Protein backbone atom coordinates (compact mmCIF):
# COMPACT_ATOMS: atom_id res chain seq x y z
CA MET A 1 105.23 -28.66 14.41
CA LEU A 2 107.07 -28.11 17.32
CA LYS A 3 110.08 -29.49 15.85
CA LYS A 4 109.87 -27.39 12.38
CA ILE A 5 109.86 -23.37 15.26
CA LEU A 6 112.83 -25.40 17.07
CA SER A 7 114.45 -26.15 14.37
CA GLY A 8 113.88 -22.47 13.07
CA ILE A 9 114.72 -21.78 16.26
CA SER A 10 118.18 -23.62 16.41
CA ALA A 11 119.12 -21.48 13.01
CA GLY A 12 118.21 -18.36 14.58
CA VAL A 13 120.62 -18.76 17.09
CA CYS A 14 123.14 -19.86 14.41
CA ILE A 15 122.22 -16.00 13.55
CA CYS A 16 123.09 -14.45 16.42
CA LEU A 17 126.44 -16.03 16.89
CA GLY A 18 127.48 -14.45 13.46
CA GLY A 19 125.47 -11.31 13.91
CA ALA A 20 127.34 -10.46 17.21
CA VAL A 21 130.78 -11.71 15.66
CA PHE A 22 130.34 -8.78 13.02
CA LEU A 23 128.95 -6.23 15.44
CA ALA A 24 132.45 -7.39 17.55
CA CYS A 25 134.56 -7.43 14.68
CA GLU A 26 136.30 -3.06 14.07
CA ASN A 27 136.89 -4.65 10.50
CA ARG A 28 134.31 -4.73 8.52
CA ILE A 29 135.85 -7.24 5.94
CA ALA A 30 136.74 -9.65 9.11
CA GLY A 31 133.22 -9.33 10.37
CA ALA A 32 131.72 -10.23 7.14
CA ILE A 33 133.88 -13.29 6.11
CA LEU A 34 133.49 -14.27 10.27
CA PHE A 35 129.96 -14.08 9.64
CA SER A 36 129.59 -16.95 7.41
CA VAL A 37 129.90 -19.70 10.70
CA ALA A 38 126.53 -18.76 11.52
CA LEU A 39 125.22 -20.15 7.46
CA LEU A 40 127.72 -22.84 7.78
CA CYS A 41 126.51 -24.21 11.07
CA ILE A 42 122.76 -24.28 9.93
CA CYS A 43 123.32 -26.27 6.47
CA MET A 44 126.36 -28.65 8.08
CA LYS A 45 123.41 -28.79 10.54
CA GLY A 46 120.48 -29.04 8.30
CA TYR A 47 118.49 -26.31 10.66
CA ALA A 48 115.53 -24.43 8.97
CA LEU A 49 116.85 -20.57 8.11
CA PHE A 50 113.88 -18.58 6.80
CA THR A 51 116.56 -16.94 3.67
CA GLY A 52 117.45 -20.55 3.11
CA LYS A 53 114.51 -21.98 2.87
CA VAL A 54 112.04 -19.89 0.63
CA GLY A 55 114.00 -20.13 -2.36
CA TYR A 56 112.61 -24.10 -2.35
CA ILE A 57 109.01 -22.85 -2.67
CA PRO A 58 108.75 -22.79 -6.69
CA GLU A 59 110.59 -26.17 -6.32
CA ALA A 60 108.09 -27.52 -3.97
CA HIS A 61 105.40 -25.39 -2.69
CA ASP A 62 102.93 -28.05 -0.93
CA LYS A 63 101.48 -27.54 2.14
CA ASP A 64 103.96 -28.74 4.20
CA ALA A 65 106.87 -26.79 2.26
CA VAL A 66 104.79 -23.91 2.97
CA SER A 67 104.59 -24.44 7.03
CA LEU A 68 107.86 -25.10 7.23
CA LEU A 69 108.98 -21.90 5.72
CA LEU A 70 106.51 -20.08 8.02
CA LEU A 71 107.14 -21.78 10.76
CA ALA A 72 111.28 -21.77 10.59
CA LEU A 73 110.52 -17.61 10.62
CA LEU A 74 108.39 -17.53 13.63
CA GLY A 75 111.26 -19.34 15.18
CA ASN A 76 113.89 -17.56 13.27
CA ALA A 77 112.17 -14.49 14.98
CA ILE A 78 111.99 -15.89 18.51
CA ALA A 79 115.65 -16.58 18.40
CA THR A 80 116.85 -14.18 17.06
CA VAL A 81 114.51 -11.39 19.61
CA ALA A 82 115.71 -13.40 22.41
CA GLY A 83 119.46 -13.31 21.46
CA GLY A 84 119.94 -9.81 20.47
CA TYR A 85 118.35 -8.80 23.76
CA LEU A 86 120.54 -11.19 25.48
CA ILE A 87 124.02 -9.84 23.38
CA ALA A 88 122.59 -5.72 24.33
CA LEU A 89 122.14 -7.16 28.29
CA GLY A 90 125.92 -9.05 28.07
CA LEU A 91 128.04 -7.00 25.84
CA PRO A 92 126.91 -3.47 26.20
CA LYS A 93 129.29 -2.29 23.20
CA LEU A 94 128.20 -4.53 21.01
CA LYS A 95 124.13 -2.54 21.99
CA THR A 96 126.05 1.03 20.75
CA ALA A 97 127.21 -1.01 16.82
CA ALA A 98 123.78 -2.42 16.31
CA GLU A 99 122.46 1.91 17.21
CA THR A 100 124.94 2.65 14.51
CA ILE A 101 123.82 -0.01 12.09
CA CYS A 102 120.15 0.26 12.69
CA LEU A 103 119.83 4.09 12.62
CA SER A 104 121.52 3.73 8.91
CA LYS A 105 119.07 0.98 8.17
CA LEU A 106 115.94 3.46 9.18
CA ASP A 107 117.10 5.65 6.70
CA GLN A 108 117.19 4.15 3.78
CA GLN A 109 113.98 4.58 1.06
CA TRP A 110 111.37 1.63 1.23
CA TRP A 111 112.51 0.53 -2.10
CA GLU A 112 116.75 0.88 -1.56
CA THR A 113 115.25 -1.64 1.26
CA LEU A 114 113.28 -4.04 -0.99
CA ILE A 115 116.08 -3.68 -3.70
CA ARG A 116 118.77 -4.28 -1.49
CA GLY A 117 117.25 -7.45 0.39
CA THR A 118 115.98 -8.83 -3.30
CA PHE A 119 119.27 -9.30 -3.97
CA CYS A 120 120.53 -10.93 -0.27
CA GLY A 121 117.69 -13.20 -0.70
CA ILE A 122 119.56 -13.92 -4.36
CA LEU A 123 122.96 -14.65 -2.93
CA MET A 124 120.86 -16.55 -0.25
CA TYR A 125 119.83 -18.69 -2.41
CA LEU A 126 122.74 -19.29 -4.22
CA ALA A 127 124.62 -19.99 -1.20
CA VAL A 128 122.59 -22.49 0.29
CA SER A 129 121.83 -24.48 -3.44
CA THR A 130 125.50 -24.25 -3.81
CA TYR A 131 126.46 -26.44 -1.05
CA ARG A 132 123.32 -28.53 -1.31
CA ASP A 133 123.84 -29.70 -4.80
CA ASN A 134 127.83 -29.75 -5.09
CA LYS A 135 128.38 -30.52 -1.21
CA THR A 136 131.08 -27.70 -0.73
CA PRO A 137 131.28 -24.53 2.00
CA LEU A 138 132.51 -22.32 -0.90
CA GLY A 139 128.95 -20.67 -1.94
CA ILE A 140 128.44 -19.91 1.83
CA MET A 141 132.18 -18.41 2.55
CA PHE A 142 131.73 -16.41 -0.36
CA CYS A 143 127.82 -15.30 -0.97
CA ILE A 144 128.07 -14.17 2.72
CA PRO A 145 130.57 -11.63 2.70
CA VAL A 146 129.33 -10.86 -0.89
CA PHE A 147 125.82 -9.39 0.36
CA ILE A 148 127.04 -7.97 3.78
CA LEU A 149 130.26 -5.63 2.34
CA SER A 150 127.61 -5.15 -0.84
CA GLY A 151 125.17 -3.24 1.93
CA PHE A 152 122.44 -5.54 0.90
CA GLU A 153 119.49 -6.82 3.69
CA HIS A 154 119.77 -10.13 5.32
CA SER A 155 115.69 -10.56 7.59
CA ILE A 156 116.82 -12.44 9.87
CA ALA A 157 119.76 -10.83 10.00
CA ASP A 158 118.32 -7.24 10.78
CA ILE A 159 115.96 -8.81 13.28
CA PHE A 160 119.21 -9.84 15.31
CA TYR A 161 120.40 -6.08 14.85
CA PHE A 162 117.08 -4.60 15.83
CA ALA A 163 116.77 -6.38 18.76
CA ALA A 164 120.04 -5.65 20.15
CA SER A 165 119.90 -2.10 19.39
CA GLY A 166 116.74 -1.61 21.54
CA ILE A 167 114.74 0.36 18.68
CA VAL A 168 111.41 -0.51 18.71
CA SER A 169 108.90 1.45 16.39
CA LEU A 170 106.58 0.95 13.72
CA LYS A 171 109.13 2.04 11.00
CA ALA A 172 111.48 -0.29 12.25
CA PHE A 173 108.95 -3.31 11.64
CA VAL A 174 107.75 -1.65 8.03
CA PHE A 175 111.11 -2.41 7.58
CA LEU A 176 111.74 -5.77 8.23
CA TRP A 177 108.97 -7.03 6.69
CA LEU A 178 110.43 -5.62 3.46
CA VAL A 179 113.60 -6.99 4.12
CA ILE A 180 111.40 -9.88 4.40
CA LEU A 181 109.63 -9.48 1.30
CA GLY A 182 112.52 -8.54 -1.20
CA ASN A 183 114.35 -11.84 0.68
CA SER A 184 111.55 -14.00 -0.88
CA ILE A 185 111.66 -12.60 -3.84
CA GLY A 186 115.54 -12.57 -5.07
CA GLY A 187 115.43 -16.49 -3.12
CA MET A 188 112.68 -17.27 -5.47
CA LEU A 189 113.82 -15.27 -8.93
CA LEU A 190 116.63 -17.56 -9.97
CA PRO A 191 114.58 -20.82 -9.68
CA VAL A 192 111.83 -19.57 -11.17
CA ILE A 193 113.78 -18.35 -14.42
CA ASN A 194 115.35 -21.99 -14.72
CA GLY A 195 111.74 -23.80 -14.19
CA LEU A 196 110.74 -21.55 -17.27
CA TRP A 197 113.46 -22.22 -19.05
CA ARG A 198 113.05 -26.15 -18.32
CA LYS A 199 109.11 -25.77 -19.57
CA LYS A 200 110.24 -24.06 -22.65
CA GLN A 201 113.19 -26.53 -23.59
CA ASN A 202 110.63 -29.23 -23.23
CA GLY A 203 107.62 -27.64 -24.47
């Protein structure tokens, strides 16, 4: 259990680095591209990121897989909350940037947040599965900037942004759980569709 949580914490630290460079970049495109360093390091080191693991639950939904997923989420949250507060403390300019981003996020309607989270989940599954199946970082290098520039929502990155912003409220809590739900739906969507297609062909 501790090993799974620590793997999640390690992944969360990587997301903090990606989020920090995105906040620091005045050029949004440059920030979106550089954010890719987070998922590249996570995949190469084999750390447990919730949004990278949830897409594999339809294929392997045994007790161990679900345990890893939930403990990864816990570890991710611990690291991004702690990292967000530390970044805000050490780099006040980034706290201001995070506040602007998070206040804009809280203006969304709940269904907008859910939809944005779902599409991010799809892209995260494609990024991770492309790396895993084809041993190439190209999926990561393209999918990460696409979800950021499209305005889609990534739950773990959003936890970091809210921690860095210092915004703590019930509305922010609900927002984050909507993004987690959306990421889960999106991450599992293509595997479920492909699984149904394979069953139809075999049946």
